[in-house]
Amino acid sequence: MPTWLIVVIVVVAVVVIAAVAWLVLQEAQRKRLQRKFGPEYTRAVEENESPRAAQRELAERERRHRELDIRPLSSSTRERYAQRWATIQEKFVDQPSGAVDEADALLVSLMAERGYPTDGYDQQLSDLSVRHSDTLKHYRAAHDTHTRHAKTKLSTEELRDAMVHYRTVFEDLLTDGSDRAHGAGGTGREEAAVRGGDRRDEDHERDGGR
């Protein structure tokens, strides 16, 4: 066999092996990002021009996240935030609009406490998606309600749903996804306080709005 033909065969084999290896690495990257980002991976693919572009964006989020100084909370800090949340949630019974405003502000404060930059809602979503992708849908829903309420007054039930969404994200950030119920500090009592608003609304309606 001529030497040149042997060289050609070797070159082609190397190219094929390299191409296969590249495809394997790309597939491994796709699966890794899907596992890590969950529903955020699907959203990124839908919002980008191609899956490859979405994967580049998510990889960039990871790179940026590695540069952040994300800090765990001390027990005393967790307790302080849990108490502040309990106060806000109990306030919802009499002042639902103000409670939602305070819940939004407290969540942003907690992000800063953990080390997340808080300038810009879209950047918050991007940074949180790396470690808190499972609860971002709740943050989007709560933030959307809060924004709409500032323009058009919404019903108490809609505000109550926003509080539930805020609480889900709050607990996830407070505990970093572990021991969520304990980290929130008495969520059953707080839930009762919020739902107590239902009974008060019903009593108000039975009394003819008096």
N, C-alpha and C. Protein backbone atom coordinates (compact mmCIF):
# COMPACT_ATOMS: atom_id res chain seq x y z
N MET A 1 0.86 -1.19 0.00
CA MET A 1 0.00 0.00 0.00
C MET A 1 0.90 1.25 0.00
N PRO A 2 0.62 2.17 -0.91
CA PRO A 2 1.46 3.36 -0.98
C PRO A 2 1.47 4.12 0.35
N THR A 3 2.58 4.75 0.62
CA THR A 3 2.71 5.50 1.87
C THR A 3 1.68 6.62 1.96
N TRP A 4 1.44 7.32 0.84
CA TRP A 4 0.50 8.44 0.86
C TRP A 4 -0.91 7.97 1.23
N LEU A 5 -1.27 6.75 0.78
CA LEU A 5 -2.60 6.22 1.08
C LEU A 5 -2.72 5.90 2.57
N ILE A 6 -1.63 5.37 3.12
CA ILE A 6 -1.63 5.08 4.55
C ILE A 6 -1.81 6.37 5.34
N VAL A 7 -1.12 7.42 4.90
CA VAL A 7 -1.23 8.72 5.58
C VAL A 7 -2.67 9.23 5.51
N VAL A 8 -3.28 9.12 4.34
CA VAL A 8 -4.66 9.59 4.17
C VAL A 8 -5.60 8.83 5.10
N ILE A 9 -5.43 7.51 5.15
CA ILE A 9 -6.29 6.68 6.01
C ILE A 9 -6.13 7.07 7.47
N VAL A 10 -4.90 7.29 7.89
CA VAL A 10 -4.64 7.68 9.28
C VAL A 10 -5.27 9.03 9.58
N VAL A 11 -5.11 9.98 8.66
CA VAL A 11 -5.67 11.32 8.86
C VAL A 11 -7.19 11.25 8.97
N VAL A 12 -7.81 10.51 8.05
CA VAL A 12 -9.27 10.36 8.08
C VAL A 12 -9.72 9.72 9.38
N ALA A 13 -9.00 8.69 9.82
CA ALA A 13 -9.35 8.02 11.07
C ALA A 13 -9.25 8.97 12.26
N VAL A 14 -8.21 9.79 12.27
CA VAL A 14 -8.04 10.76 13.36
C VAL A 14 -9.18 11.77 13.36
N VAL A 15 -9.54 12.24 12.17
CA VAL A 15 -10.63 13.21 12.06
C VAL A 15 -11.94 12.61 12.54
N VAL A 16 -12.22 11.36 12.13
CA VAL A 16 -13.45 10.69 12.55
C VAL A 16 -13.48 10.50 14.06
N ILE A 17 -12.36 10.05 14.62
CA ILE A 17 -12.29 9.84 16.07
C ILE A 17 -12.49 11.16 16.81
N ALA A 18 -11.87 12.23 16.31
CA ALA A 18 -12.01 13.54 16.94
C ALA A 18 -13.46 14.02 16.88
N ALA A 19 -14.10 13.79 15.73
CA ALA A 19 -15.50 14.22 15.57
C ALA A 19 -16.41 13.45 16.52
N VAL A 20 -16.18 12.15 16.63
CA VAL A 20 -16.98 11.32 17.54
C VAL A 20 -16.76 11.76 18.98
N ALA A 21 -15.51 12.02 19.33
CA ALA A 21 -15.20 12.46 20.69
C ALA A 21 -15.87 13.79 21.00
N TRP A 22 -15.86 14.68 20.02
CA TRP A 22 -16.50 15.99 20.19
C TRP A 22 -18.00 15.83 20.41
N LEU A 23 -18.62 14.96 19.61
CA LEU A 23 -20.06 14.73 19.76
C LEU A 23 -20.38 14.12 21.13
N VAL A 24 -19.54 13.20 21.57
CA VAL A 24 -19.75 12.58 22.88
C VAL A 24 -19.64 13.62 23.99
N LEU A 25 -18.65 14.49 23.89
CA LEU A 25 -18.48 15.55 24.89
C LEU A 25 -19.66 16.52 24.88
N GLN A 26 -20.15 16.87 23.69
CA GLN A 26 -21.29 17.77 23.58
C GLN A 26 -22.55 17.15 24.20
N GLU A 27 -22.73 15.87 23.97
CA GLU A 27 -23.90 15.19 24.53
C GLU A 27 -23.79 15.10 26.05
N ALA A 28 -22.58 14.86 26.54
CA ALA A 28 -22.37 14.81 27.99
C ALA A 28 -22.62 16.18 28.62
N GLN A 29 -22.19 17.23 27.92
CA GLN A 29 -22.43 18.59 28.41
C GLN A 29 -23.91 18.90 28.45
N ARG A 30 -24.63 18.49 27.38
CA ARG A 30 -26.07 18.74 27.32
C ARG A 30 -26.78 18.06 28.48
N LYS A 31 -26.45 16.80 28.73
CA LYS A 31 -27.10 16.06 29.81
C LYS A 31 -26.76 16.67 31.17
N ARG A 32 -25.51 17.09 31.33
CA ARG A 32 -25.11 17.70 32.60
C ARG A 32 -25.87 18.99 32.87
N LEU A 33 -25.99 19.83 31.84
CA LEU A 33 -26.70 21.10 32.00
C LEU A 33 -28.19 20.86 32.23
N GLN A 34 -28.75 19.86 31.56
CA GLN A 34 -30.16 19.52 31.77
C GLN A 34 -30.41 19.10 33.21
N ARG A 35 -29.51 18.27 33.75
CA ARG A 35 -29.66 17.82 35.13
C ARG A 35 -29.52 18.99 36.11
N LYS A 36 -28.57 19.86 35.84
CA LYS A 36 -28.28 20.93 36.77
C LYS A 36 -29.32 22.03 36.74
N PHE A 37 -29.76 22.43 35.55
CA PHE A 37 -30.66 23.56 35.41
C PHE A 37 -32.13 23.17 35.32
N GLY A 38 -32.41 21.90 35.06
CA GLY A 38 -33.80 21.44 35.03
C GLY A 38 -34.66 22.26 34.08
N PRO A 39 -35.78 22.81 34.58
CA PRO A 39 -36.68 23.58 33.72
C PRO A 39 -36.04 24.81 33.10
N GLU A 40 -34.98 25.33 33.73
CA GLU A 40 -34.29 26.49 33.17
C GLU A 40 -33.55 26.12 31.89
N TYR A 41 -33.16 24.88 31.74
CA TYR A 41 -32.52 24.44 30.50
C TYR A 41 -33.53 24.55 29.35
N THR A 42 -34.73 24.05 29.58
CA THR A 42 -35.77 24.11 28.55
C THR A 42 -36.10 25.55 28.20
N ARG A 43 -36.20 26.40 29.21
CA ARG A 43 -36.49 27.82 28.97
C ARG A 43 -35.38 28.47 28.15
N ALA A 44 -34.13 28.16 28.49
CA ALA A 44 -33.00 28.74 27.76
C ALA A 44 -33.01 28.32 26.29
N VAL A 45 -33.33 27.04 26.03
CA VAL A 45 -33.39 26.56 24.66
C VAL A 45 -34.49 27.29 23.90
N GLU A 46 -35.63 27.50 24.55
CA GLU A 46 -36.75 28.19 23.90
C GLU A 46 -36.43 29.66 23.61
N GLU A 47 -35.61 30.28 24.45
CA GLU A 47 -35.32 31.70 24.31
C GLU A 47 -34.11 31.98 23.44
N ASN A 48 -33.32 30.96 23.11
CA ASN A 48 -32.14 31.13 22.27
C ASN A 48 -32.39 30.59 20.88
N GLU A 49 -31.48 30.93 19.98
CA GLU A 49 -31.65 30.55 18.58
C GLU A 49 -31.39 29.07 18.33
N SER A 50 -30.69 28.42 19.26
CA SER A 50 -30.37 27.00 19.09
C SER A 50 -30.01 26.41 20.43
N PRO A 51 -30.10 25.07 20.56
CA PRO A 51 -29.66 24.43 21.80
C PRO A 51 -28.20 24.74 22.13
N ARG A 52 -27.36 24.83 21.08
CA ARG A 52 -25.95 25.14 21.31
C ARG A 52 -25.79 26.51 21.96
N ALA A 53 -26.55 27.49 21.47
CA ALA A 53 -26.49 28.84 22.05
C ALA A 53 -26.98 28.83 23.49
N ALA A 54 -28.02 28.04 23.76
CA ALA A 54 -28.54 27.93 25.12
C ALA A 54 -27.50 27.33 26.05
N GLN A 55 -26.79 26.31 25.57
CA GLN A 55 -25.77 25.68 26.39
C GLN A 55 -24.62 26.64 26.67
N ARG A 56 -24.27 27.47 25.69
CA ARG A 56 -23.22 28.48 25.92
C ARG A 56 -23.66 29.48 26.99
N GLU A 57 -24.93 29.88 26.91
CA GLU A 57 -25.44 30.84 27.89
C GLU A 57 -25.42 30.24 29.30
N LEU A 58 -25.85 29.00 29.43
CA LEU A 58 -25.89 28.36 30.74
C LEU A 58 -24.47 28.14 31.28
N ALA A 59 -23.55 27.79 30.40
CA ALA A 59 -22.16 27.63 30.82
C ALA A 59 -21.59 28.96 31.30
N GLU A 60 -22.00 30.04 30.65
CA GLU A 60 -21.56 31.37 31.08
C GLU A 60 -22.15 31.73 32.44
N ARG A 61 -23.38 31.32 32.69
CA ARG A 61 -23.97 31.54 34.02
C ARG A 61 -23.15 30.82 35.09
N GLU A 62 -22.74 29.59 34.78
CA GLU A 62 -21.91 28.83 35.73
C GLU A 62 -20.59 29.55 35.99
N ARG A 63 -19.97 30.04 34.92
CA ARG A 63 -18.69 30.74 35.07
C ARG A 63 -18.85 31.97 35.95
N ARG A 64 -19.90 32.76 35.72
CA ARG A 64 -20.14 33.96 36.52
C ARG A 64 -20.41 33.57 37.98
N HIS A 65 -21.17 32.50 38.16
CA HIS A 65 -21.53 32.07 39.51
C HIS A 65 -20.29 31.68 40.31
N ARG A 66 -19.33 31.05 39.64
CA ARG A 66 -18.10 30.64 40.32
C ARG A 66 -17.32 31.84 40.85
N GLU A 67 -17.51 32.99 40.23
CA GLU A 67 -16.80 34.19 40.65
C GLU A 67 -17.51 34.92 41.79
N LEU A 68 -18.73 34.51 42.09
CA LEU A 68 -19.47 35.15 43.18
C LEU A 68 -19.04 34.57 44.53
N ASP A 69 -19.15 35.38 45.54
CA ASP A 69 -18.82 34.93 46.90
C ASP A 69 -20.11 34.51 47.61
N ILE A 70 -20.62 33.33 47.24
CA ILE A 70 -21.87 32.85 47.82
C ILE A 70 -21.58 32.26 49.19
N ARG A 71 -22.28 32.78 50.19
CA ARG A 71 -21.97 32.42 51.58
C ARG A 71 -23.15 31.69 52.23
N PRO A 72 -22.85 30.68 53.04
CA PRO A 72 -23.91 30.06 53.86
C PRO A 72 -24.28 31.02 54.99
N LEU A 73 -25.47 30.85 55.52
CA LEU A 73 -25.92 31.71 56.61
C LEU A 73 -25.61 31.07 57.96
N SER A 74 -25.28 31.90 58.91
CA SER A 74 -25.11 31.40 60.27
C SER A 74 -26.48 31.08 60.86
N SER A 75 -26.50 30.32 61.91
CA SER A 75 -27.77 29.95 62.55
C SER A 75 -28.51 31.19 63.03
N SER A 76 -27.78 32.15 63.58
CA SER A 76 -28.43 33.36 64.09
C SER A 76 -29.02 34.20 62.95
N THR A 77 -28.32 34.24 61.82
CA THR A 77 -28.84 35.00 60.67
C THR A 77 -30.06 34.33 60.09
N ARG A 78 -30.02 33.00 60.00
CA ARG A 78 -31.19 32.27 59.51
C ARG A 78 -32.40 32.52 60.41
N GLU A 79 -32.18 32.49 61.70
CA GLU A 79 -33.28 32.71 62.63
C GLU A 79 -33.82 34.12 62.50
N ARG A 80 -32.92 35.09 62.32
CA ARG A 80 -33.36 36.49 62.18
C ARG A 80 -34.23 36.66 60.95
N TYR A 81 -33.82 36.08 59.83
CA TYR A 81 -34.62 36.18 58.62
C TYR A 81 -35.93 35.41 58.75
N ALA A 82 -35.89 34.25 59.40
CA ALA A 82 -37.12 33.48 59.59
C ALA A 82 -38.13 34.27 60.42
N GLN A 83 -37.65 34.97 61.44
CA GLN A 83 -38.55 35.78 62.27
C GLN A 83 -39.12 36.95 61.49
N ARG A 84 -38.29 37.56 60.66
CA ARG A 84 -38.78 38.67 59.83
C ARG A 84 -39.84 38.18 58.86
N TRP A 85 -39.62 36.98 58.30
CA TRP A 85 -40.63 36.43 57.39
C TRP A 85 -41.93 36.14 58.14
N ALA A 86 -41.82 35.57 59.33
CA ALA A 86 -43.02 35.25 60.11
C ALA A 86 -43.83 36.53 60.39
N THR A 87 -43.15 37.61 60.70
CA THR A 87 -43.83 38.88 60.97
C THR A 87 -44.55 39.39 59.73
N ILE A 88 -43.87 39.31 58.58
CA ILE A 88 -44.48 39.76 57.32
C ILE A 88 -45.69 38.91 56.97
N GLN A 89 -45.57 37.60 57.13
CA GLN A 89 -46.67 36.72 56.75
C GLN A 89 -47.88 36.92 57.66
N GLU A 90 -47.65 37.18 58.92
CA GLU A 90 -48.76 37.46 59.82
C GLU A 90 -49.40 38.81 59.49
N LYS A 91 -48.60 39.74 59.01
CA LYS A 91 -49.10 41.06 58.63
C LYS A 91 -50.05 40.96 57.45
N PHE A 92 -49.90 39.91 56.65
CA PHE A 92 -50.73 39.76 55.46
C PHE A 92 -52.21 39.77 55.78
N VAL A 93 -52.59 39.25 56.94
CA VAL A 93 -54.01 39.15 57.30
C VAL A 93 -54.69 40.51 57.24
N ASP A 94 -54.02 41.54 57.75
CA ASP A 94 -54.62 42.88 57.80
C ASP A 94 -54.12 43.81 56.70
N GLN A 95 -52.92 43.56 56.20
CA GLN A 95 -52.34 44.45 55.19
C GLN A 95 -51.70 43.63 54.07
N PRO A 96 -52.50 42.98 53.25
CA PRO A 96 -51.94 42.09 52.22
C PRO A 96 -51.02 42.80 51.23
N SER A 97 -51.39 43.99 50.81
CA SER A 97 -50.56 44.71 49.83
C SER A 97 -49.20 45.05 50.41
N GLY A 98 -49.18 45.59 51.62
CA GLY A 98 -47.92 45.93 52.26
C GLY A 98 -47.08 44.71 52.54
N ALA A 99 -47.71 43.60 52.90
CA ALA A 99 -46.98 42.37 53.19
C ALA A 99 -46.26 41.85 51.94
N VAL A 100 -46.92 41.93 50.78
CA VAL A 100 -46.30 41.48 49.54
C VAL A 100 -45.11 42.37 49.20
N ASP A 101 -45.25 43.68 49.39
CA ASP A 101 -44.12 44.59 49.16
C ASP A 101 -42.94 44.21 50.05
N GLU A 102 -43.22 43.95 51.31
CA GLU A 102 -42.15 43.61 52.25
C GLU A 102 -41.55 42.24 51.95
N ALA A 103 -42.37 41.31 51.48
CA ALA A 103 -41.85 39.97 51.13
C ALA A 103 -40.86 40.08 49.97
N ASP A 104 -41.21 40.90 48.99
CA ASP A 104 -40.31 41.09 47.85
C ASP A 104 -38.99 41.71 48.31
N ALA A 105 -39.07 42.73 49.15
CA ALA A 105 -37.87 43.41 49.65
C ALA A 105 -37.03 42.47 50.51
N LEU A 106 -37.68 41.65 51.34
CA LEU A 106 -36.93 40.73 52.21
C LEU A 106 -36.20 39.68 51.39
N LEU A 107 -36.83 39.21 50.33
CA LEU A 107 -36.19 38.21 49.48
C LEU A 107 -34.93 38.78 48.83
N VAL A 108 -35.01 40.02 48.35
CA VAL A 108 -33.85 40.66 47.75
C VAL A 108 -32.75 40.86 48.80
N SER A 109 -33.16 41.23 50.01
CA SER A 109 -32.20 41.38 51.10
C SER A 109 -31.50 40.06 51.41
N LEU A 110 -32.25 38.96 51.38
CA LEU A 110 -31.68 37.64 51.64
C LEU A 110 -30.70 37.25 50.54
N MET A 111 -31.03 37.58 49.29
CA MET A 111 -30.09 37.32 48.20
C MET A 111 -28.76 38.01 48.46
N ALA A 112 -28.83 39.29 48.84
CA ALA A 112 -27.61 40.04 49.12
C ALA A 112 -26.84 39.43 50.29
N GLU A 113 -27.57 38.98 51.30
CA GLU A 113 -26.95 38.36 52.47
C GLU A 113 -26.18 37.11 52.07
N ARG A 114 -26.71 36.38 51.11
CA ARG A 114 -26.04 35.15 50.65
C ARG A 114 -24.87 35.46 49.73
N GLY A 115 -24.80 36.69 49.19
CA GLY A 115 -23.70 37.06 48.31
C GLY A 115 -24.08 37.23 46.86
N TYR A 116 -25.39 37.19 46.56
CA TYR A 116 -25.84 37.38 45.19
C TYR A 116 -25.98 38.87 44.88
N PRO A 117 -25.50 39.33 43.71
CA PRO A 117 -25.77 40.71 43.29
C PRO A 117 -27.27 40.89 43.11
N THR A 118 -27.77 42.07 43.44
CA THR A 118 -29.22 42.29 43.38
C THR A 118 -29.61 43.41 42.42
N ASP A 119 -28.69 43.83 41.59
CA ASP A 119 -28.99 44.90 40.63
C ASP A 119 -29.62 44.29 39.37
N GLY A 120 -30.92 44.43 39.25
CA GLY A 120 -31.59 43.95 38.05
C GLY A 120 -32.24 42.60 38.22
N TYR A 121 -33.53 42.56 37.98
CA TYR A 121 -34.31 41.33 38.15
C TYR A 121 -33.82 40.21 37.24
N ASP A 122 -33.54 40.53 35.97
CA ASP A 122 -33.10 39.50 35.03
C ASP A 122 -31.77 38.89 35.47
N GLN A 123 -30.87 39.73 35.98
CA GLN A 123 -29.59 39.21 36.45
C GLN A 123 -29.76 38.35 37.70
N GLN A 124 -30.72 38.72 38.53
CA GLN A 124 -31.03 37.89 39.71
C GLN A 124 -31.44 36.49 39.26
N LEU A 125 -32.33 36.42 38.28
CA LEU A 125 -32.78 35.13 37.77
C LEU A 125 -31.62 34.31 37.23
N SER A 126 -30.76 34.97 36.46
CA SER A 126 -29.63 34.28 35.87
C SER A 126 -28.70 33.71 36.94
N ASP A 127 -28.38 34.52 37.94
CA ASP A 127 -27.47 34.07 39.00
C ASP A 127 -28.09 32.98 39.86
N LEU A 128 -29.36 33.13 40.19
CA LEU A 128 -30.02 32.14 41.04
C LEU A 128 -30.21 30.80 40.32
N SER A 129 -30.30 30.84 39.00
CA SER A 129 -30.60 29.62 38.25
C SER A 129 -29.55 28.53 38.42
N VAL A 130 -28.32 28.91 38.77
CA VAL A 130 -27.25 27.92 38.87
C VAL A 130 -27.46 26.97 40.04
N ARG A 131 -27.99 27.48 41.16
CA ARG A 131 -28.18 26.62 42.34
C ARG A 131 -29.62 26.54 42.81
N HIS A 132 -30.49 27.36 42.24
CA HIS A 132 -31.88 27.39 42.72
C HIS A 132 -32.87 27.36 41.55
N SER A 133 -32.55 26.60 40.52
CA SER A 133 -33.38 26.59 39.31
C SER A 133 -34.79 26.06 39.58
N ASP A 134 -34.92 25.13 40.53
CA ASP A 134 -36.23 24.51 40.77
C ASP A 134 -37.26 25.49 41.33
N THR A 135 -36.81 26.58 41.95
CA THR A 135 -37.76 27.51 42.56
C THR A 135 -37.89 28.82 41.78
N LEU A 136 -37.21 28.94 40.65
CA LEU A 136 -37.28 30.20 39.90
C LEU A 136 -38.67 30.47 39.36
N LYS A 137 -39.42 29.41 39.02
CA LYS A 137 -40.78 29.64 38.52
C LYS A 137 -41.63 30.32 39.58
N HIS A 138 -41.35 30.04 40.84
CA HIS A 138 -42.09 30.69 41.92
C HIS A 138 -41.69 32.17 42.03
N TYR A 139 -40.41 32.44 41.85
CA TYR A 139 -39.96 33.84 41.91
C TYR A 139 -40.56 34.63 40.76
N ARG A 140 -40.58 34.04 39.57
CA ARG A 140 -41.18 34.73 38.42
C ARG A 140 -42.66 35.01 38.68
N ALA A 141 -43.38 34.03 39.19
CA ALA A 141 -44.81 34.20 39.44
C ALA A 141 -45.06 35.28 40.49
N ALA A 142 -44.30 35.26 41.58
CA ALA A 142 -44.47 36.25 42.64
C ALA A 142 -44.11 37.64 42.15
N HIS A 143 -42.99 37.75 41.44
CA HIS A 143 -42.54 39.06 40.95
C HIS A 143 -43.53 39.63 39.95
N ASP A 144 -44.08 38.76 39.10
CA ASP A 144 -45.07 39.22 38.12
C ASP A 144 -46.31 39.77 38.82
N THR A 145 -46.77 39.08 39.85
CA THR A 145 -47.93 39.57 40.61
C THR A 145 -47.61 40.89 41.29
N HIS A 146 -46.45 40.98 41.89
CA HIS A 146 -46.03 42.20 42.58
C HIS A 146 -45.97 43.38 41.61
N THR A 147 -45.44 43.15 40.42
CA THR A 147 -45.33 44.20 39.41
C THR A 147 -46.71 44.63 38.92
N ARG A 148 -47.57 43.65 38.65
CA ARG A 148 -48.91 43.97 38.16
C ARG A 148 -49.73 44.70 39.23
N HIS A 149 -49.52 44.32 40.48
CA HIS A 149 -50.28 44.94 41.57
C HIS A 149 -49.92 46.41 41.73
N ALA A 150 -48.68 46.76 41.38
CA ALA A 150 -48.26 48.16 41.47
C ALA A 150 -48.97 49.01 40.42
N LYS A 151 -49.44 48.37 39.35
CA LYS A 151 -50.13 49.10 38.27
C LYS A 151 -51.64 49.01 38.39
N THR A 152 -52.12 47.82 38.74
CA THR A 152 -53.56 47.57 38.87
C THR A 152 -53.79 46.73 40.12
N LYS A 153 -54.58 47.23 41.03
CA LYS A 153 -54.79 46.53 42.29
C LYS A 153 -55.39 45.15 42.04
N LEU A 154 -54.74 44.15 42.58
CA LEU A 154 -55.19 42.76 42.39
C LEU A 154 -55.98 42.29 43.60
N SER A 155 -56.62 41.15 43.45
CA SER A 155 -57.43 40.59 44.53
C SER A 155 -56.55 40.05 45.65
N THR A 156 -57.17 39.91 46.81
CA THR A 156 -56.45 39.34 47.96
C THR A 156 -55.97 37.93 47.66
N GLU A 157 -56.76 37.17 46.92
CA GLU A 157 -56.38 35.80 46.59
C GLU A 157 -55.12 35.77 45.72
N GLU A 158 -55.03 36.69 44.77
CA GLU A 158 -53.83 36.75 43.93
C GLU A 158 -52.61 37.13 44.76
N LEU A 159 -52.79 38.05 45.69
CA LEU A 159 -51.68 38.44 46.56
C LEU A 159 -51.29 37.30 47.49
N ARG A 160 -52.29 36.53 47.92
CA ARG A 160 -52.01 35.38 48.77
C ARG A 160 -51.17 34.34 48.01
N ASP A 161 -51.50 34.13 46.75
CA ASP A 161 -50.71 33.20 45.93
C ASP A 161 -49.27 33.70 45.78
N ALA A 162 -49.12 35.02 45.63
CA ALA A 162 -47.78 35.59 45.51
C ALA A 162 -46.97 35.33 46.78
N MET A 163 -47.62 35.44 47.94
CA MET A 163 -46.93 35.19 49.20
C MET A 163 -46.44 33.73 49.27
N VAL A 164 -47.27 32.81 48.80
CA VAL A 164 -46.89 31.40 48.81
C VAL A 164 -45.67 31.19 47.90
N HIS A 165 -45.68 31.84 46.74
CA HIS A 165 -44.55 31.73 45.83
C HIS A 165 -43.29 32.34 46.45
N TYR A 166 -43.44 33.52 47.02
CA TYR A 166 -42.29 34.16 47.66
C TYR A 166 -41.71 33.26 48.76
N ARG A 167 -42.59 32.65 49.54
CA ARG A 167 -42.13 31.81 50.63
C ARG A 167 -41.31 30.62 50.14
N THR A 168 -41.72 30.03 49.02
CA THR A 168 -41.00 28.89 48.46
C THR A 168 -39.56 29.28 48.12
N VAL A 169 -39.40 30.43 47.46
CA VAL A 169 -38.06 30.90 47.10
C VAL A 169 -37.28 31.30 48.35
N PHE A 170 -37.96 31.96 49.28
CA PHE A 170 -37.33 32.40 50.51
C PHE A 170 -36.76 31.21 51.28
N GLU A 171 -37.53 30.16 51.43
CA GLU A 171 -37.08 28.97 52.16
C GLU A 171 -35.91 28.30 51.45
N ASP A 172 -35.95 28.27 50.12
CA ASP A 172 -34.88 27.65 49.36
C ASP A 172 -33.57 28.41 49.56
N LEU A 173 -33.64 29.73 49.55
CA LEU A 173 -32.44 30.54 49.77
C LEU A 173 -31.97 30.48 51.22
N LEU A 174 -32.93 30.45 52.12
CA LEU A 174 -32.59 30.45 53.54
C LEU A 174 -31.84 29.19 53.94
N THR A 175 -32.24 28.07 53.40
CA THR A 175 -31.67 26.78 53.80
C THR A 175 -30.76 26.19 52.73
N ASP A 176 -30.65 26.87 51.59
CA ASP A 176 -29.90 26.34 50.46
C ASP A 176 -30.47 25.00 50.01
N GLY A 177 -31.80 24.86 50.13
CA GLY A 177 -32.48 23.68 49.63
C GLY A 177 -32.56 22.52 50.59
N SER A 178 -31.96 22.65 51.80
CA SER A 178 -31.99 21.54 52.75
C SER A 178 -32.81 21.90 53.97
N ASP A 179 -33.54 20.91 54.49
CA ASP A 179 -34.34 21.11 55.70
C ASP A 179 -35.21 22.34 55.58
N ARG A 180 -35.93 22.44 54.45
CA ARG A 180 -36.64 23.67 54.12
C ARG A 180 -37.67 24.06 55.16
N ALA A 181 -38.45 23.10 55.59
CA ALA A 181 -39.52 23.44 56.54
C ALA A 181 -38.95 23.96 57.85
N HIS A 182 -37.86 23.32 58.34
CA HIS A 182 -37.26 23.75 59.59
C HIS A 182 -36.63 25.12 59.43
N GLY A 183 -35.97 25.33 58.27
CA GLY A 183 -35.29 26.59 58.06
C GLY A 183 -36.24 27.76 58.03
N ALA A 184 -37.48 27.57 57.60
CA ALA A 184 -38.40 28.68 57.52
C ALA A 184 -38.96 29.04 58.88
N GLY A 185 -38.81 28.18 59.84
CA GLY A 185 -39.22 28.53 61.19
C GLY A 185 -40.72 28.62 61.38
N GLY A 186 -41.40 27.49 61.46
CA GLY A 186 -42.82 27.53 61.79
C GLY A 186 -43.72 27.88 60.63
N THR A 187 -43.49 27.30 59.48
CA THR A 187 -44.30 27.64 58.34
C THR A 187 -45.76 27.25 58.53
N GLY A 188 -46.03 26.23 59.32
CA GLY A 188 -47.41 25.85 59.55
C GLY A 188 -48.19 26.97 60.22
N ARG A 189 -47.58 27.60 61.22
CA ARG A 189 -48.24 28.72 61.90
C ARG A 189 -48.40 29.90 60.95
N GLU A 190 -47.37 30.15 60.13
CA GLU A 190 -47.46 31.27 59.21
C GLU A 190 -48.51 31.02 58.13
N GLU A 191 -48.56 29.75 57.67
CA GLU A 191 -49.58 29.42 56.68
C GLU A 191 -50.97 29.64 57.25
N ALA A 192 -51.15 29.27 58.51
CA ALA A 192 -52.45 29.48 59.15
C ALA A 192 -52.78 30.97 59.22
N ALA A 193 -51.75 31.78 59.45
CA ALA A 193 -51.98 33.22 59.53
C ALA A 193 -52.44 33.77 58.19
N VAL A 194 -51.79 33.31 57.10
CA VAL A 194 -52.20 33.78 55.78
C VAL A 194 -53.58 33.28 55.44
N ARG A 195 -53.82 31.98 55.67
CA ARG A 195 -55.13 31.42 55.34
C ARG A 195 -56.21 31.98 56.25
N GLY A 196 -55.79 32.49 57.40
CA GLY A 196 -56.76 33.14 58.27
C GLY A 196 -57.42 34.31 57.58
N GLY A 197 -56.71 34.88 56.60
CA GLY A 197 -57.30 35.96 55.83
C GLY A 197 -58.53 35.50 55.07
N ASP A 198 -58.54 34.21 54.66
CA ASP A 198 -59.72 33.68 53.98
C ASP A 198 -60.94 33.76 54.88
N ARG A 199 -60.77 33.33 56.14
CA ARG A 199 -61.91 33.32 57.05
C ARG A 199 -62.38 34.74 57.34
N ARG A 200 -61.40 35.65 57.48
CA ARG A 200 -61.78 37.02 57.76
C ARG A 200 -62.53 37.63 56.59
N ASP A 201 -62.09 37.33 55.36
CA ASP A 201 -62.79 37.82 54.18
C ASP A 201 -64.21 37.27 54.13
N GLU A 202 -64.35 35.96 54.45
CA GLU A 202 -65.67 35.35 54.40
C GLU A 202 -66.59 35.96 55.45
N ASP A 203 -66.07 36.18 56.66
CA ASP A 203 -66.86 36.80 57.72
C ASP A 203 -67.30 38.20 57.30
N HIS A 204 -66.37 38.90 56.63
CA HIS A 204 -66.68 40.25 56.20
C HIS A 204 -67.82 40.25 55.19
N GLU A 205 -67.78 39.27 54.27
CA GLU A 205 -68.83 39.18 53.25
C GLU A 205 -70.17 38.82 53.88
N ARG A 206 -70.16 37.89 54.88
CA ARG A 206 -71.42 37.49 55.54
C ARG A 206 -72.03 38.67 56.30
N ASP A 207 -71.18 39.55 56.81
CA ASP A 207 -71.69 40.71 57.54
C ASP A 207 -72.13 41.83 56.62
N GLY A 208 -72.10 41.55 55.33
CA GLY A 208 -72.56 42.56 54.39
C GLY A 208 -71.56 43.66 54.13
N GLY A 209 -70.26 43.32 54.35
CA GLY A 209 -69.23 44.31 54.07
C GLY A 209 -69.07 45.33 55.17
N ARG A 210 -69.69 45.11 56.34
CA ARG A 210 -69.59 46.08 57.43
C ARG A 210 -68.23 46.01 58.10
